[in-house]
Protein backbone atom coordinates (compact mmCIF):
# COMPACT_ATOMS: atom_id res chain seq x y z
CA UNK A 1 0.00 0.00 0.00
CA UNK A 2 1.15 3.51 -0.66
CA UNK A 3 1.78 6.07 2.06
CA UNK A 4 -1.22 8.16 0.99
CA UNK A 5 -3.57 5.15 1.15
CA UNK A 6 -2.35 4.26 4.64
CA UNK A 7 -2.62 7.89 5.79
CA UNK A 8 -6.21 8.10 4.54
CA UNK A 9 -7.07 4.80 6.23
CA UNK A 10 -5.69 5.80 9.64
CA UNK A 11 -6.59 9.49 9.44
CA UNK A 12 -3.09 10.56 10.37
CA UNK A 13 0.07 11.68 8.59
CA UNK A 14 3.19 9.53 8.55
CA UNK A 15 6.82 10.65 8.72
CA UNK A 16 8.58 7.75 7.05
CA UNK A 17 12.36 8.07 6.69
CA UNK A 18 13.43 8.05 3.04
CA UNK A 19 15.64 5.00 3.57
CA UNK A 20 12.61 3.00 4.79
CA UNK A 21 10.69 3.06 1.51
CA UNK A 22 10.44 0.03 -0.74
CA UNK A 23 13.74 -0.84 -2.42
CA UNK A 24 11.91 -1.79 -5.63
CA UNK A 25 11.24 0.99 -8.09
CA UNK A 26 8.13 -0.70 -9.53
CA UNK A 27 6.66 -1.53 -6.11
CA UNK A 28 4.34 1.02 -4.51
CA UNK A 29 4.31 -0.70 -1.13
CA UNK A 30 5.35 1.75 1.55
CA UNK A 31 7.76 -0.47 3.43
CA UNK A 32 9.40 -3.32 1.62
CA UNK A 33 11.19 -5.99 3.58
CA UNK A 34 11.85 -9.32 1.98
CA UNK A 35 10.94 -12.24 4.18
CA UNK A 36 12.23 -14.86 1.80
CA UNK A 37 8.97 -16.71 1.21
CA UNK A 38 6.93 -16.56 -1.97
CA UNK A 39 3.18 -17.25 -1.99
CA UNK A 40 2.60 -16.22 1.62
CA UNK A 41 0.66 -12.95 1.43
CA UNK A 42 -3.12 -13.20 1.59
CA UNK A 43 -3.83 -9.72 0.22
CA UNK A 44 -4.09 -11.03 -3.35
CA UNK A 45 -2.70 -8.01 -5.20
CA UNK A 46 -2.82 -8.88 -8.91
CA UNK A 47 0.46 -7.09 -9.71
CA UNK A 48 2.47 -8.69 -6.88
CA UNK A 49 5.58 -10.59 -8.00
CA UNK A 50 5.70 -12.56 -4.72
CA UNK A 51 2.44 -14.45 -5.20
CA UNK A 52 2.10 -16.52 -8.33
CA UNK A 53 -0.16 -19.32 -7.09
CA UNK A 54 -3.24 -18.52 -5.00
CA UNK A 55 -3.77 -22.18 -4.04
CA UNK A 56 -0.24 -22.30 -2.61
CA UNK A 57 -0.93 -19.04 -0.77
CA UNK A 58 -4.02 -20.64 0.80
CA UNK A 59 -2.06 -23.74 1.82
CA UNK A 60 0.80 -21.68 3.25
CA UNK A 61 -1.58 -19.53 5.26
CA UNK A 62 -3.10 -22.67 6.77
CA UNK A 63 0.38 -23.74 7.92
CA UNK A 64 0.97 -20.45 9.73
CA UNK A 65 1.33 -20.82 13.49
CA UNK A 66 0.95 -17.64 15.54
CA UNK A 67 3.27 -19.01 18.24
CA UNK A 68 6.09 -19.75 15.80
CA UNK A 69 8.78 -17.18 14.99
CA UNK A 70 8.46 -18.31 11.37
CA UNK A 71 5.93 -17.24 8.79
CA UNK A 72 5.06 -20.81 7.82
CA UNK A 73 5.18 -23.71 10.25
CA UNK A 74 8.00 -24.28 12.72
CA UNK A 75 11.74 -23.85 12.45
CA UNK A 76 14.24 -26.37 11.23
CA UNK A 77 17.87 -26.90 12.18
CA UNK A 78 19.96 -24.18 10.56
CA UNK A 79 17.17 -21.60 10.32
CA UNK A 80 18.20 -18.10 11.36
CA UNK A 81 15.99 -15.71 13.32
CA UNK A 82 16.80 -12.02 13.04
CA UNK A 83 15.14 -9.36 15.19
CA UNK A 84 13.45 -6.60 13.20
CA UNK A 85 12.58 -3.24 14.70
CA UNK A 86 8.94 -2.23 14.66
CA UNK A 87 8.86 1.56 14.64
CA UNK A 88 5.84 3.84 14.49
CA UNK A 89 6.01 6.61 11.89
CA UNK A 90 2.76 8.27 12.94
CA UNK A 91 3.45 11.93 13.54
CA UNK A 92 0.24 12.49 15.51
CA UNK A 93 -1.10 15.09 13.08
CA UNK A 94 -4.73 14.20 12.41
CA UNK A 95 -5.90 14.85 8.85
CA UNK A 96 -9.26 16.32 7.92
CA UNK A 97 -9.60 14.67 4.53
PDB file of N, CA and C in Angstrom:
ATOM      1  N   UNK A   1       0.834  -1.176   0.000  1.00  0.00           N
ATOM      2  CA  UNK A   1       0.000   0.000   0.000  1.00  0.00           C
ATOM      3  C   UNK A   1       0.878   1.239   0.000  1.00  0.00           C
ATOM      4  N   UNK A   2       0.389   2.266  -0.614  1.00  0.00           N
ATOM      5  CA  UNK A   2       1.155   3.508  -0.663  1.00  0.00           C
ATOM      6  C   UNK A   2       0.977   4.290   0.636  1.00  0.00           C
ATOM      7  N   UNK A   3       1.861   5.246   0.855  1.00  0.00           N
ATOM      8  CA  UNK A   3       1.782   6.069   2.055  1.00  0.00           C
ATOM      9  C   UNK A   3       0.467   6.831   2.098  1.00  0.00           C
ATOM     10  N   UNK A   4       0.020   7.383   0.986  1.00  0.00           N
ATOM     11  CA  UNK A   4      -1.224   8.159   0.986  1.00  0.00           C
ATOM     12  C   UNK A   4      -2.432   7.284   1.313  1.00  0.00           C
ATOM     13  N   UNK A   5      -2.455   6.053   0.835  1.00  0.00           N
ATOM     14  CA  UNK A   5      -3.566   5.150   1.153  1.00  0.00           C
ATOM     15  C   UNK A   5      -3.583   4.840   2.646  1.00  0.00           C
ATOM     16  N   UNK A   6      -2.420   4.559   3.209  1.00  0.00           N
ATOM     17  CA  UNK A   6      -2.350   4.264   4.637  1.00  0.00           C
ATOM     18  C   UNK A   6      -2.754   5.486   5.454  1.00  0.00           C
ATOM     19  N   UNK A   7      -2.277   6.670   5.064  1.00  0.00           N
ATOM     20  CA  UNK A   7      -2.623   7.893   5.795  1.00  0.00           C
ATOM     21  C   UNK A   7      -4.125   8.146   5.766  1.00  0.00           C
ATOM     22  N   UNK A   8      -4.755   7.935   4.615  1.00  0.00           N
ATOM     23  CA  UNK A   8      -6.214   8.100   4.537  1.00  0.00           C
ATOM     24  C   UNK A   8      -6.926   7.083   5.422  1.00  0.00           C
ATOM     25  N   UNK A   9      -6.431   5.865   5.446  1.00  0.00           N
ATOM     26  CA  UNK A   9      -7.071   4.803   6.226  1.00  0.00           C
ATOM     27  C   UNK A   9      -6.987   5.057   7.728  1.00  0.00           C
ATOM     28  N   UNK A  10      -5.855   5.589   8.202  1.00  0.00           N
ATOM     29  CA  UNK A  10      -5.685   5.795   9.641  1.00  0.00           C
ATOM     30  C   UNK A  10      -6.015   7.216  10.075  1.00  0.00           C
ATOM     31  N   UNK A  11      -6.242   8.114   9.107  1.00  0.00           N
ATOM     32  CA  UNK A  11      -6.591   9.492   9.437  1.00  0.00           C
ATOM     33  C   UNK A  11      -5.468  10.264  10.088  1.00  0.00           C
ATOM     34  N   UNK A  12      -4.253   9.938   9.748  1.00  0.00           N
ATOM     35  CA  UNK A  12      -3.094  10.560  10.370  1.00  0.00           C
ATOM     36  C   UNK A  12      -1.943  10.578   9.372  1.00  0.00           C
ATOM     37  N   UNK A  13      -1.103  11.592   9.460  1.00  0.00           N
ATOM     38  CA  UNK A  13       0.071  11.676   8.591  1.00  0.00           C
ATOM     39  C   UNK A  13       1.186  10.781   9.114  1.00  0.00           C
ATOM     40  N   UNK A  14       2.041  10.356   8.192  1.00  0.00           N
ATOM     41  CA  UNK A  14       3.194   9.528   8.548  1.00  0.00           C
ATOM     42  C   UNK A  14       4.485  10.238   8.166  1.00  0.00           C
ATOM     43  N   UNK A  15       5.476  10.154   9.018  1.00  0.00           N
ATOM     44  CA  UNK A  15       6.819  10.652   8.724  1.00  0.00           C
ATOM     45  C   UNK A  15       7.728   9.440   8.552  1.00  0.00           C
ATOM     46  N   UNK A  16       7.786   8.942   7.337  1.00  0.00           N
ATOM     47  CA  UNK A  16       8.582   7.747   7.051  1.00  0.00           C
ATOM     48  C   UNK A  16       9.950   8.180   6.542  1.00  0.00           C
ATOM     49  N   UNK A  17      11.026   7.733   7.189  1.00  0.00           N
ATOM     50  CA  UNK A  17      12.364   8.074   6.695  1.00  0.00           C
ATOM     51  C   UNK A  17      12.548   7.597   5.260  1.00  0.00           C
ATOM     52  N   UNK A  18      13.247   8.384   4.460  1.00  0.00           N
ATOM     53  CA  UNK A  18      13.431   8.050   3.043  1.00  0.00           C
ATOM     54  C   UNK A  18      14.092   6.688   2.839  1.00  0.00           C
ATOM     55  N   UNK A  19      14.963   6.296   3.737  1.00  0.00           N
ATOM     56  CA  UNK A  19      15.637   5.002   3.574  1.00  0.00           C
ATOM     57  C   UNK A  19      14.751   3.818   3.958  1.00  0.00           C
ATOM     58  N   UNK A  20      13.519   4.068   4.394  1.00  0.00           N
ATOM     59  CA  UNK A  20      12.611   2.998   4.787  1.00  0.00           C
ATOM     60  C   UNK A  20      11.591   2.657   3.705  1.00  0.00           C
ATOM     61  N   UNK A  21      11.649   3.339   2.587  1.00  0.00           N
ATOM     62  CA  UNK A  21      10.695   3.056   1.513  1.00  0.00           C
ATOM     63  C   UNK A  21      11.099   1.784   0.779  1.00  0.00           C
ATOM     64  N   UNK A  22      10.201   1.275  -0.019  1.00  0.00           N
ATOM     65  CA  UNK A  22      10.444   0.026  -0.735  1.00  0.00           C
ATOM     66  C   UNK A  22      11.688   0.133  -1.610  1.00  0.00           C
ATOM     67  N   UNK A  23      12.535  -0.877  -1.597  1.00  0.00           N
ATOM     68  CA  UNK A  23      13.743  -0.843  -2.424  1.00  0.00           C
ATOM     69  C   UNK A  23      13.464  -1.103  -3.904  1.00  0.00           C
ATOM     70  N   UNK A  24      12.251  -1.484  -4.241  1.00  0.00           N
ATOM     71  CA  UNK A  24      11.913  -1.794  -5.629  1.00  0.00           C
ATOM     72  C   UNK A  24      11.220  -0.616  -6.291  1.00  0.00           C
ATOM     73  N   UNK A  25      11.780  -0.165  -7.378  1.00  0.00           N
ATOM     74  CA  UNK A  25      11.238   0.993  -8.086  1.00  0.00           C
ATOM     75  C   UNK A  25       9.794   0.766  -8.536  1.00  0.00           C
ATOM     76  N   UNK A  26       9.467  -0.420  -9.000  1.00  0.00           N
ATOM     77  CA  UNK A  26       8.134  -0.700  -9.526  1.00  0.00           C
ATOM     78  C   UNK A  26       7.114  -1.023  -8.439  1.00  0.00           C
ATOM     79  N   UNK A  27       7.551  -1.144  -7.202  1.00  0.00           N
ATOM     80  CA  UNK A  27       6.655  -1.527  -6.109  1.00  0.00           C
ATOM     81  C   UNK A  27       6.188  -0.277  -5.370  1.00  0.00           C
ATOM     82  N   UNK A  28       4.888  -0.127  -5.221  1.00  0.00           N
ATOM     83  CA  UNK A  28       4.340   1.025  -4.507  1.00  0.00           C
ATOM     84  C   UNK A  28       4.129   0.766  -3.026  1.00  0.00           C
ATOM     85  N   UNK A  29       4.486  -0.419  -2.549  1.00  0.00           N
ATOM     86  CA  UNK A  29       4.311  -0.702  -1.132  1.00  0.00           C
ATOM     87  C   UNK A  29       5.186   0.250  -0.324  1.00  0.00           C
ATOM     88  N   UNK A  30       4.642   0.756   0.764  1.00  0.00           N
ATOM     89  CA  UNK A  30       5.347   1.753   1.555  1.00  0.00           C
ATOM     90  C   UNK A  30       6.648   1.207   2.129  1.00  0.00           C
ATOM     91  N   UNK A  31       6.570   0.114   2.819  1.00  0.00           N
ATOM     92  CA  UNK A  31       7.763  -0.465   3.430  1.00  0.00           C
ATOM     93  C   UNK A  31       7.987  -1.840   2.838  1.00  0.00           C
ATOM     94  N   UNK A  32       9.123  -2.030   2.234  1.00  0.00           N
ATOM     95  CA  UNK A  32       9.399  -3.316   1.615  1.00  0.00           C
ATOM     96  C   UNK A  32      10.517  -4.050   2.322  1.00  0.00           C
ATOM     97  N   UNK A  33      10.189  -5.131   2.962  1.00  0.00           N
ATOM     98  CA  UNK A  33      11.188  -5.994   3.578  1.00  0.00           C
ATOM     99  C   UNK A  33      10.967  -7.400   3.068  1.00  0.00           C
ATOM    100  N   UNK A  34      11.975  -7.946   2.451  1.00  0.00           N
ATOM    101  CA  UNK A  34      11.850  -9.316   1.977  1.00  0.00           C
ATOM    102  C   UNK A  34      11.876 -10.268   3.157  1.00  0.00           C
ATOM    103  N   UNK A  35      10.985 -11.227   3.128  1.00  0.00           N
ATOM    104  CA  UNK A  35      10.941 -12.236   4.177  1.00  0.00           C
ATOM    105  C   UNK A  35      11.408 -13.581   3.658  1.00  0.00           C
ATOM    106  N   UNK A  36      11.690 -13.644   2.369  1.00  0.00           N
ATOM    107  CA  UNK A  36      12.234 -14.857   1.798  1.00  0.00           C
ATOM    108  C   UNK A  36      11.240 -15.968   1.578  1.00  0.00           C
ATOM    109  N   UNK A  37       9.965 -15.653   1.412  1.00  0.00           N
ATOM    110  CA  UNK A  37       8.969 -16.705   1.209  1.00  0.00           C
ATOM    111  C   UNK A  37       7.927 -16.243   0.198  1.00  0.00           C
ATOM    112  N   UNK A  38       7.938 -16.861  -0.965  1.00  0.00           N
ATOM    113  CA  UNK A  38       6.926 -16.560  -1.973  1.00  0.00           C
ATOM    114  C   UNK A  38       5.597 -17.213  -1.600  1.00  0.00           C
ATOM    115  N   UNK A  39       4.526 -16.690  -2.168  1.00  0.00           N
ATOM    116  CA  UNK A  39       3.178 -17.247  -1.992  1.00  0.00           C
ATOM    117  C   UNK A  39       2.761 -17.330  -0.526  1.00  0.00           C
ATOM    118  N   UNK A  40       2.969 -16.229   0.211  1.00  0.00           N
ATOM    119  CA  UNK A  40       2.597 -16.218   1.624  1.00  0.00           C
ATOM    120  C   UNK A  40       1.685 -15.061   2.004  1.00  0.00           C
ATOM    121  N   UNK A  41       1.470 -14.126   1.114  1.00  0.00           N
ATOM    122  CA  UNK A  41       0.658 -12.950   1.434  1.00  0.00           C
ATOM    123  C   UNK A  41      -0.779 -13.171   0.984  1.00  0.00           C
ATOM    124  N   UNK A  42      -1.711 -12.980   1.892  1.00  0.00           N
ATOM    125  CA  UNK A  42      -3.117 -13.203   1.586  1.00  0.00           C
ATOM    126  C   UNK A  42      -3.850 -12.010   1.020  1.00  0.00           C
ATOM    127  N   UNK A  43      -3.154 -10.910   0.735  1.00  0.00           N
ATOM    128  CA  UNK A  43      -3.834  -9.722   0.219  1.00  0.00           C
ATOM    129  C   UNK A  43      -4.302  -9.894  -1.219  1.00  0.00           C
ATOM    130  N   UNK A  44      -3.644 -10.721  -1.994  1.00  0.00           N
ATOM    131  CA  UNK A  44      -4.092 -11.034  -3.348  1.00  0.00           C
ATOM    132  C   UNK A  44      -3.923  -9.936  -4.377  1.00  0.00           C
ATOM    133  N   UNK A  45      -2.938  -9.064  -4.209  1.00  0.00           N
ATOM    134  CA  UNK A  45      -2.702  -8.011  -5.200  1.00  0.00           C
ATOM    135  C   UNK A  45      -2.324  -8.645  -6.538  1.00  0.00           C
ATOM    136  N   UNK A  46      -3.010  -8.269  -7.590  1.00  0.00           N
ATOM    137  CA  UNK A  46      -2.818  -8.875  -8.905  1.00  0.00           C
ATOM    138  C   UNK A  46      -1.404  -8.630  -9.432  1.00  0.00           C
ATOM    139  N   UNK A  47      -0.835  -7.461  -9.159  1.00  0.00           N
ATOM    140  CA  UNK A  47       0.465  -7.089  -9.709  1.00  0.00           C
ATOM    141  C   UNK A  47       1.646  -7.647  -8.915  1.00  0.00           C
ATOM    142  N   UNK A  48       1.397  -8.286  -7.786  1.00  0.00           N
ATOM    143  CA  UNK A  48       2.474  -8.686  -6.880  1.00  0.00           C
ATOM    144  C   UNK A  48       3.328  -9.808  -7.460  1.00  0.00           C
ATOM    145  N   UNK A  49       4.643  -9.583  -7.489  1.00  0.00           N
ATOM    146  CA  UNK A  49       5.579 -10.588  -7.999  1.00  0.00           C
ATOM    147  C   UNK A  49       5.736 -11.756  -7.023  1.00  0.00           C
ATOM    148  N   UNK A  50       5.419 -11.557  -5.754  1.00  0.00           N
ATOM    149  CA  UNK A  50       5.705 -12.556  -4.723  1.00  0.00           C
ATOM    150  C   UNK A  50       4.653 -13.661  -4.629  1.00  0.00           C
ATOM    151  N   UNK A  51       3.489 -13.422  -5.186  1.00  0.00           N
ATOM    152  CA  UNK A  51       2.444 -14.451  -5.203  1.00  0.00           C
ATOM    153  C   UNK A  51       2.161 -14.825  -6.642  1.00  0.00           C
ATOM    154  N   UNK A  52       2.398 -16.073  -6.976  1.00  0.00           N
ATOM    155  CA  UNK A  52       2.105 -16.517  -8.333  1.00  0.00           C
ATOM    156  C   UNK A  52       1.177 -17.720  -8.349  1.00  0.00           C
ATOM    157  N   UNK A  53       0.744 -18.184  -7.152  1.00  0.00           N
ATOM    158  CA  UNK A  53      -0.162 -19.319  -7.089  1.00  0.00           C
ATOM    159  C   UNK A  53      -1.071 -19.167  -5.870  1.00  0.00           C
ATOM    160  N   UNK A  54      -2.320 -18.786  -6.099  1.00  0.00           N
ATOM    161  CA  UNK A  54      -3.241 -18.523  -4.996  1.00  0.00           C
ATOM    162  C   UNK A  54      -3.550 -19.779  -4.178  1.00  0.00           C
ATOM    163  N   UNK A  55      -3.541 -20.944  -4.793  1.00  0.00           N
ATOM    164  CA  UNK A  55      -3.770 -22.183  -4.041  1.00  0.00           C
ATOM    165  C   UNK A  55      -2.620 -22.427  -3.066  1.00  0.00           C
ATOM    166  N   UNK A  56      -1.397 -22.161  -3.498  1.00  0.00           N
ATOM    167  CA  UNK A  56      -0.244 -22.303  -2.613  1.00  0.00           C
ATOM    168  C   UNK A  56      -0.310 -21.276  -1.493  1.00  0.00           C
ATOM    169  N   UNK A  57      -0.752 -20.064  -1.801  1.00  0.00           N
ATOM    170  CA  UNK A  57      -0.934 -19.039  -0.767  1.00  0.00           C
ATOM    171  C   UNK A  57      -1.894 -19.557   0.297  1.00  0.00           C
ATOM    172  N   UNK A  58      -3.013 -20.116  -0.136  1.00  0.00           N
ATOM    173  CA  UNK A  58      -4.018 -20.636   0.799  1.00  0.00           C
ATOM    174  C   UNK A  58      -3.407 -21.733   1.678  1.00  0.00           C
ATOM    175  N   UNK A  59      -2.681 -22.651   1.066  1.00  0.00           N
ATOM    176  CA  UNK A  59      -2.057 -23.743   1.820  1.00  0.00           C
ATOM    177  C   UNK A  59      -1.012 -23.213   2.804  1.00  0.00           C
ATOM    178  N   UNK A  60      -0.214 -22.254   2.366  1.00  0.00           N
ATOM    179  CA  UNK A  60       0.802 -21.677   3.246  1.00  0.00           C
ATOM    180  C   UNK A  60       0.172 -20.955   4.423  1.00  0.00           C
ATOM    181  N   UNK A  61      -0.910 -20.245   4.167  1.00  0.00           N
ATOM    182  CA  UNK A  61      -1.575 -19.526   5.256  1.00  0.00           C
ATOM    183  C   UNK A  61      -2.152 -20.502   6.282  1.00  0.00           C
ATOM    184  N   UNK A  62      -2.584 -21.661   5.840  1.00  0.00           N
ATOM    185  CA  UNK A  62      -3.099 -22.671   6.767  1.00  0.00           C
ATOM    186  C   UNK A  62      -1.985 -23.252   7.637  1.00  0.00           C
ATOM    187  N   UNK A  63      -0.757 -23.215   7.157  1.00  0.00           N
ATOM    188  CA  UNK A  63       0.380 -23.741   7.919  1.00  0.00           C
ATOM    189  C   UNK A  63       0.947 -22.725   8.906  1.00  0.00           C
ATOM    190  N   UNK A  64       0.466 -21.486   8.836  1.00  0.00           N
ATOM    191  CA  UNK A  64       0.968 -20.446   9.734  1.00  0.00           C
ATOM    192  C   UNK A  64       0.604 -20.773  11.178  1.00  0.00           C
ATOM    193  N   UNK A  65       1.557 -20.609  12.064  1.00  0.00           N
ATOM    194  CA  UNK A  65       1.330 -20.819  13.489  1.00  0.00           C
ATOM    195  C   UNK A  65       1.698 -19.526  14.211  1.00  0.00           C
ATOM    196  N   UNK A  66       0.724 -18.941  14.895  1.00  0.00           N
ATOM    197  CA  UNK A  66       0.951 -17.641  15.537  1.00  0.00           C
ATOM    198  C   UNK A  66       2.004 -17.708  16.641  1.00  0.00           C
ATOM    199  N   UNK A  67       2.271 -18.877  17.182  1.00  0.00           N
ATOM    200  CA  UNK A  67       3.274 -19.008  18.245  1.00  0.00           C
ATOM    201  C   UNK A  67       4.676 -19.277  17.704  1.00  0.00           C
ATOM    202  N   UNK A  68       4.792 -19.471  16.412  1.00  0.00           N
ATOM    203  CA  UNK A  68       6.088 -19.752  15.796  1.00  0.00           C
ATOM    204  C   UNK A  68       6.761 -18.451  15.368  1.00  0.00           C
ATOM    205  N   UNK A  69       8.086 -18.368  15.478  1.00  0.00           N
ATOM    206  CA  UNK A  69       8.777 -17.176  14.987  1.00  0.00           C
ATOM    207  C   UNK A  69       8.870 -17.153  13.463  1.00  0.00           C
ATOM    208  N   UNK A  70       8.393 -18.203  12.815  1.00  0.00           N
ATOM    209  CA  UNK A  70       8.463 -18.306  11.365  1.00  0.00           C
ATOM    210  C   UNK A  70       7.113 -18.021  10.734  1.00  0.00           C
ATOM    211  N   UNK A  71       7.154 -17.565   9.516  1.00  0.00           N
ATOM    212  CA  UNK A  71       5.935 -17.244   8.791  1.00  0.00           C
ATOM    213  C   UNK A  71       5.101 -18.486   8.519  1.00  0.00           C
ATOM    214  N   UNK A  72       5.762 -19.563   8.138  1.00  0.00           N
ATOM    215  CA  UNK A  72       5.064 -20.808   7.820  1.00  0.00           C
ATOM    216  C   UNK A  72       5.625 -21.922   8.689  1.00  0.00           C
ATOM    217  N   UNK A  73       4.774 -22.543   9.468  1.00  0.00           N
ATOM    218  CA  UNK A  73       5.178 -23.706  10.253  1.00  0.00           C
ATOM    219  C   UNK A  73       6.174 -23.398  11.346  1.00  0.00           C
ATOM    220  N   UNK A  74       6.985 -24.394  11.668  1.00  0.00           N
ATOM    221  CA  UNK A  74       7.996 -24.276  12.717  1.00  0.00           C
ATOM    222  C   UNK A  74       9.388 -24.291  12.108  1.00  0.00           C
ATOM    223  N   UNK A  75      10.362 -23.912  12.915  1.00  0.00           N
ATOM    224  CA  UNK A  75      11.735 -23.847  12.448  1.00  0.00           C
ATOM    225  C   UNK A  75      12.371 -25.204  12.247  1.00  0.00           C
ATOM    226  N   UNK A  76      13.444 -25.178  11.489  1.00  0.00           N
ATOM    227  CA  UNK A  76      14.241 -26.372  11.233  1.00  0.00           C
ATOM    228  C   UNK A  76      15.682 -26.064  11.623  1.00  0.00           C
ATOM    229  N   UNK A  77      16.464 -27.089  11.832  1.00  0.00           N
ATOM    230  CA  UNK A  77      17.865 -26.896  12.178  1.00  0.00           C
ATOM    231  C   UNK A  77      18.552 -26.066  11.091  1.00  0.00           C
ATOM    232  N   UNK A  78      19.268 -25.041  11.510  1.00  0.00           N
ATOM    233  CA  UNK A  78      19.964 -24.179  10.565  1.00  0.00           C
ATOM    234  C   UNK A  78      19.209 -22.901  10.224  1.00  0.00           C
ATOM    235  N   UNK A  79      17.925 -22.823  10.575  1.00  0.00           N
ATOM    236  CA  UNK A  79      17.169 -21.595  10.318  1.00  0.00           C
ATOM    237  C   UNK A  79      17.724 -20.467  11.172  1.00  0.00           C
ATOM    238  N   UNK A  80      17.697 -19.262  10.635  1.00  0.00           N
ATOM    239  CA  UNK A  80      18.199 -18.099  11.356  1.00  0.00           C
ATOM    240  C   UNK A  80      17.045 -17.160  11.667  1.00  0.00           C
ATOM    241  N   UNK A  81      16.998 -16.681  12.899  1.00  0.00           N
ATOM    242  CA  UNK A  81      15.994 -15.707  13.319  1.00  0.00           C
ATOM    243  C   UNK A  81      16.714 -14.391  13.542  1.00  0.00           C
ATOM    244  N   UNK A  82      16.201 -13.342  12.922  1.00  0.00           N
ATOM    245  CA  UNK A  82      16.801 -12.015  13.044  1.00  0.00           C
ATOM    246  C   UNK A  82      15.737 -11.070  13.582  1.00  0.00           C
ATOM    247  N   UNK A  83      16.072 -10.328  14.617  1.00  0.00           N
ATOM    248  CA  UNK A  83      15.143  -9.362  15.188  1.00  0.00           C
ATOM    249  C   UNK A  83      14.969  -8.189  14.228  1.00  0.00           C
ATOM    250  N   UNK A  84      13.751  -7.759  14.047  1.00  0.00           N
ATOM    251  CA  UNK A  84      13.454  -6.604  13.199  1.00  0.00           C
ATOM    252  C   UNK A  84      12.770  -5.545  14.055  1.00  0.00           C
ATOM    253  N   UNK A  85      13.200  -4.302  13.909  1.00  0.00           N
ATOM    254  CA  UNK A  85      12.579  -3.239  14.700  1.00  0.00           C
ATOM    255  C   UNK A  85      11.194  -2.923  14.146  1.00  0.00           C
ATOM    256  N   UNK A  86      10.296  -2.601  15.028  1.00  0.00           N
ATOM    257  CA  UNK A  86       8.935  -2.231  14.657  1.00  0.00           C
ATOM    258  C   UNK A  86       8.713  -0.798  15.148  1.00  0.00           C
ATOM    259  N   UNK A  87       8.945   0.150  14.272  1.00  0.00           N
ATOM    260  CA  UNK A  87       8.862   1.557  14.638  1.00  0.00           C
ATOM    261  C   UNK A  87       7.558   2.165  14.144  1.00  0.00           C
ATOM    262  N   UNK A  88       7.029   3.103  14.913  1.00  0.00           N
ATOM    263  CA  UNK A  88       5.844   3.840  14.491  1.00  0.00           C
ATOM    264  C   UNK A  88       6.291   5.117  13.789  1.00  0.00           C
ATOM    265  N   UNK A  89       5.700   5.391  12.627  1.00  0.00           N
ATOM    266  CA  UNK A  89       6.006   6.610  11.887  1.00  0.00           C
ATOM    267  C   UNK A  89       4.849   7.598  11.932  1.00  0.00           C
ATOM    268  N   UNK A  90       3.872   7.333  12.782  1.00  0.00           N
ATOM    269  CA  UNK A  90       2.759   8.274  12.936  1.00  0.00           C
ATOM    270  C   UNK A  90       3.296   9.547  13.567  1.00  0.00           C
ATOM    271  N   UNK A  91       2.959  10.683  12.972  1.00  0.00           N
ATOM    272  CA  UNK A  91       3.452  11.932  13.543  1.00  0.00           C
ATOM    273  C   UNK A  91       2.420  12.583  14.460  1.00  0.00           C
ATOM    274  N   UNK A  92       1.258  11.980  14.604  1.00  0.00           N
ATOM    275  CA  UNK A  92       0.243  12.494  15.511  1.00  0.00           C
ATOM    276  C   UNK A  92      -0.638  13.571  14.920  1.00  0.00           C
ATOM    277  N   UNK A  93      -0.307  14.048  13.730  1.00  0.00           N
ATOM    278  CA  UNK A  93      -1.096  15.087  13.075  1.00  0.00           C
ATOM    279  C   UNK A  93      -2.321  14.453  12.416  1.00  0.00           C
ATOM    280  N   UNK A  94      -3.489  14.737  12.959  1.00  0.00           N
ATOM    281  CA  UNK A  94      -4.732  14.202  12.408  1.00  0.00           C
ATOM    282  C   UNK A  94      -5.078  14.954  11.132  1.00  0.00           C
ATOM    283  N   UNK A  95      -5.518  14.223  10.117  1.00  0.00           N
ATOM    284  CA  UNK A  95      -5.896  14.852   8.851  1.00  0.00           C
ATOM    285  C   UNK A  95      -7.405  15.031   8.787  1.00  0.00           C
ATOM    286  N   UNK A  96      -7.832  16.057   8.067  1.00  0.00           N
ATOM    287  CA  UNK A  96      -9.263  16.323   7.917  1.00  0.00           C
ATOM    288  C   UNK A  96      -9.861  15.563   6.752  1.00  0.00           C
ATOM    289  N   UNK A  97      -9.066  15.315   5.726  1.00  0.00           N
ATOM    290  CA  UNK A  97      -9.605  14.669   4.526  1.00  0.00           C
ATOM    291  C   UNK A  97      -8.794  13.470   4.153  1.00  0.00           C
TER     292      UNK A  97
END
